[in-house]
Amino acid sequence: MSSQPDDPRPVPPVEPALEDCCGNGCDPCIFDLHYAAMDRYRSELAAWEARHAQKAD
């Protein structure tokens, strides 16, 4: 058993449905927030993959 704490794979954020947008031109729009969350997810996933690649070596 590893002494490392659990390191679960990051989970992507749920994409809002088109009807979730009110269409009033909000700043930020829920889709802007989702794009930002996806950027964070991609960064977290890349870091997770790098950590796990190192463990496999």
N, C-alpha and C. Protein backbone atom coordinates (compact mmCIF):
# COMPACT_ATOMS: atom_id res chain seq x y z
N MET A 1 0.84 -1.19 0.00
CA MET A 1 0.00 0.00 0.00
C MET A 1 0.88 1.25 0.00
N SER A 2 0.41 2.26 -0.68
CA SER A 2 1.13 3.51 -0.78
C SER A 2 0.87 4.35 0.46
N SER A 3 1.90 5.10 0.88
CA SER A 3 1.72 6.02 2.00
C SER A 3 1.19 7.37 1.52
N GLN A 4 1.06 7.52 0.20
CA GLN A 4 0.52 8.75 -0.38
C GLN A 4 -0.98 8.82 -0.15
N PRO A 5 -1.49 10.04 0.12
CA PRO A 5 -2.96 10.18 0.23
C PRO A 5 -3.61 9.94 -1.13
N ASP A 6 -4.88 9.65 -1.11
CA ASP A 6 -5.60 9.45 -2.37
C ASP A 6 -5.42 10.66 -3.28
N ASP A 7 -5.28 10.38 -4.54
CA ASP A 7 -5.10 11.43 -5.55
C ASP A 7 -6.03 11.13 -6.70
N PRO A 8 -7.33 11.41 -6.50
CA PRO A 8 -8.29 11.06 -7.56
C PRO A 8 -8.10 11.93 -8.81
N ARG A 9 -8.42 11.34 -9.94
CA ARG A 9 -8.36 12.06 -11.22
C ARG A 9 -9.37 13.21 -11.17
N PRO A 10 -8.97 14.40 -11.63
CA PRO A 10 -9.92 15.52 -11.65
C PRO A 10 -11.14 15.21 -12.50
N VAL A 11 -12.25 15.78 -12.12
CA VAL A 11 -13.52 15.57 -12.82
C VAL A 11 -13.87 16.86 -13.57
N PRO A 12 -14.22 16.75 -14.85
CA PRO A 12 -14.56 17.97 -15.59
C PRO A 12 -15.84 18.60 -15.06
N PRO A 13 -15.93 19.92 -15.17
CA PRO A 13 -17.16 20.59 -14.73
C PRO A 13 -18.31 20.25 -15.66
N VAL A 14 -19.50 20.30 -15.12
CA VAL A 14 -20.70 20.01 -15.90
C VAL A 14 -20.99 21.22 -16.80
N GLU A 15 -21.19 20.95 -18.08
CA GLU A 15 -21.48 22.02 -19.02
C GLU A 15 -22.92 22.47 -18.85
N PRO A 16 -23.14 23.79 -18.76
CA PRO A 16 -24.51 24.26 -18.65
C PRO A 16 -25.28 24.02 -19.94
N ALA A 17 -26.56 23.81 -19.83
CA ALA A 17 -27.41 23.64 -21.01
C ALA A 17 -27.68 25.01 -21.62
N LEU A 18 -27.99 25.03 -22.89
CA LEU A 18 -28.27 26.30 -23.57
C LEU A 18 -29.39 27.07 -22.86
N GLU A 19 -30.38 26.35 -22.38
CA GLU A 19 -31.50 27.04 -21.72
C GLU A 19 -31.14 27.55 -20.33
N ASP A 20 -29.96 27.21 -19.81
CA ASP A 20 -29.51 27.75 -18.52
C ASP A 20 -29.09 29.21 -18.64
N CYS A 21 -28.77 29.64 -19.85
CA CYS A 21 -28.37 31.03 -20.10
C CYS A 21 -29.63 31.88 -20.19
N CYS A 22 -29.61 33.03 -19.50
CA CYS A 22 -30.80 33.90 -19.52
C CYS A 22 -30.86 34.76 -20.78
N GLY A 23 -29.74 34.86 -21.51
CA GLY A 23 -29.74 35.63 -22.74
C GLY A 23 -29.69 37.13 -22.55
N ASN A 24 -29.39 37.60 -21.34
CA ASN A 24 -29.37 39.04 -21.06
C ASN A 24 -27.98 39.65 -21.18
N GLY A 25 -27.02 38.91 -21.68
CA GLY A 25 -25.67 39.45 -21.85
C GLY A 25 -24.92 39.64 -20.54
N CYS A 26 -25.17 38.78 -19.59
CA CYS A 26 -24.50 38.87 -18.29
C CYS A 26 -22.98 38.82 -18.48
N ASP A 27 -22.27 39.52 -17.60
CA ASP A 27 -20.81 39.50 -17.62
C ASP A 27 -20.33 39.22 -16.21
N PRO A 28 -19.92 38.01 -15.91
CA PRO A 28 -19.70 36.92 -16.85
C PRO A 28 -20.96 36.09 -17.06
N CYS A 29 -21.07 35.54 -18.23
CA CYS A 29 -22.14 34.61 -18.57
C CYS A 29 -21.81 33.25 -17.95
N ILE A 30 -22.80 32.41 -17.75
CA ILE A 30 -22.52 31.08 -17.20
C ILE A 30 -21.59 30.29 -18.11
N PHE A 31 -21.62 30.59 -19.40
CA PHE A 31 -20.71 29.90 -20.32
C PHE A 31 -19.28 30.40 -20.16
N ASP A 32 -19.11 31.69 -19.85
CA ASP A 32 -17.78 32.22 -19.54
C ASP A 32 -17.22 31.52 -18.30
N LEU A 33 -18.06 31.35 -17.30
CA LEU A 33 -17.64 30.68 -16.08
C LEU A 33 -17.28 29.22 -16.36
N HIS A 34 -18.05 28.59 -17.23
CA HIS A 34 -17.76 27.20 -17.58
C HIS A 34 -16.44 27.09 -18.32
N TYR A 35 -16.16 28.02 -19.26
CA TYR A 35 -14.89 27.99 -19.99
C TYR A 35 -13.72 28.16 -19.02
N ALA A 36 -13.87 29.04 -18.04
CA ALA A 36 -12.81 29.24 -17.03
C ALA A 36 -12.62 27.97 -16.20
N ALA A 37 -13.73 27.34 -15.84
CA ALA A 37 -13.65 26.09 -15.07
C ALA A 37 -12.99 24.99 -15.90
N MET A 38 -13.26 24.96 -17.21
CA MET A 38 -12.61 23.98 -18.08
C MET A 38 -11.11 24.22 -18.18
N ASP A 39 -10.70 25.48 -18.22
CA ASP A 39 -9.27 25.80 -18.22
C ASP A 39 -8.60 25.28 -16.95
N ARG A 40 -9.24 25.51 -15.80
CA ARG A 40 -8.69 25.00 -14.53
C ARG A 40 -8.65 23.47 -14.55
N TYR A 41 -9.71 22.85 -15.04
CA TYR A 41 -9.76 21.40 -15.12
C TYR A 41 -8.62 20.86 -15.98
N ARG A 42 -8.39 21.46 -17.14
CA ARG A 42 -7.32 21.00 -18.03
C ARG A 42 -5.96 21.11 -17.35
N SER A 43 -5.73 22.20 -16.61
CA SER A 43 -4.48 22.38 -15.88
C SER A 43 -4.34 21.32 -14.78
N GLU A 44 -5.41 21.11 -14.04
CA GLU A 44 -5.40 20.12 -12.97
C GLU A 44 -5.19 18.71 -13.53
N LEU A 45 -5.82 18.43 -14.66
CA LEU A 45 -5.67 17.11 -15.29
C LEU A 45 -4.24 16.89 -15.77
N ALA A 46 -3.65 17.90 -16.39
CA ALA A 46 -2.27 17.79 -16.86
C ALA A 46 -1.33 17.53 -15.68
N ALA A 47 -1.53 18.23 -14.57
CA ALA A 47 -0.69 18.02 -13.39
C ALA A 47 -0.91 16.62 -12.82
N TRP A 48 -2.15 16.17 -12.79
CA TRP A 48 -2.46 14.83 -12.27
C TRP A 48 -1.79 13.77 -13.14
N GLU A 49 -1.91 13.94 -14.48
CA GLU A 49 -1.30 12.97 -15.39
C GLU A 49 0.21 12.95 -15.23
N ALA A 50 0.82 14.11 -15.02
CA ALA A 50 2.27 14.17 -14.81
C ALA A 50 2.66 13.45 -13.52
N ARG A 51 1.89 13.65 -12.46
CA ARG A 51 2.18 12.96 -11.19
C ARG A 51 2.08 11.46 -11.35
N HIS A 52 1.07 11.02 -12.05
CA HIS A 52 0.85 9.58 -12.20
C HIS A 52 1.82 8.95 -13.18
N ALA A 53 2.32 9.70 -14.13
CA ALA A 53 3.34 9.20 -15.04
C ALA A 53 4.63 8.98 -14.28
N GLN A 54 4.93 9.87 -13.33
CA GLN A 54 6.14 9.75 -12.50
C GLN A 54 6.04 8.51 -11.59
N LYS A 55 4.85 8.25 -11.08
CA LYS A 55 4.66 7.10 -10.20
C LYS A 55 4.84 5.79 -10.96
N ALA A 56 4.52 5.79 -12.25
CA ALA A 56 4.62 4.58 -13.05
C ALA A 56 6.07 4.24 -13.40
N ASP A 57 6.96 5.25 -13.34
CA ASP A 57 8.37 5.02 -13.68
C ASP A 57 9.10 4.23 -12.62
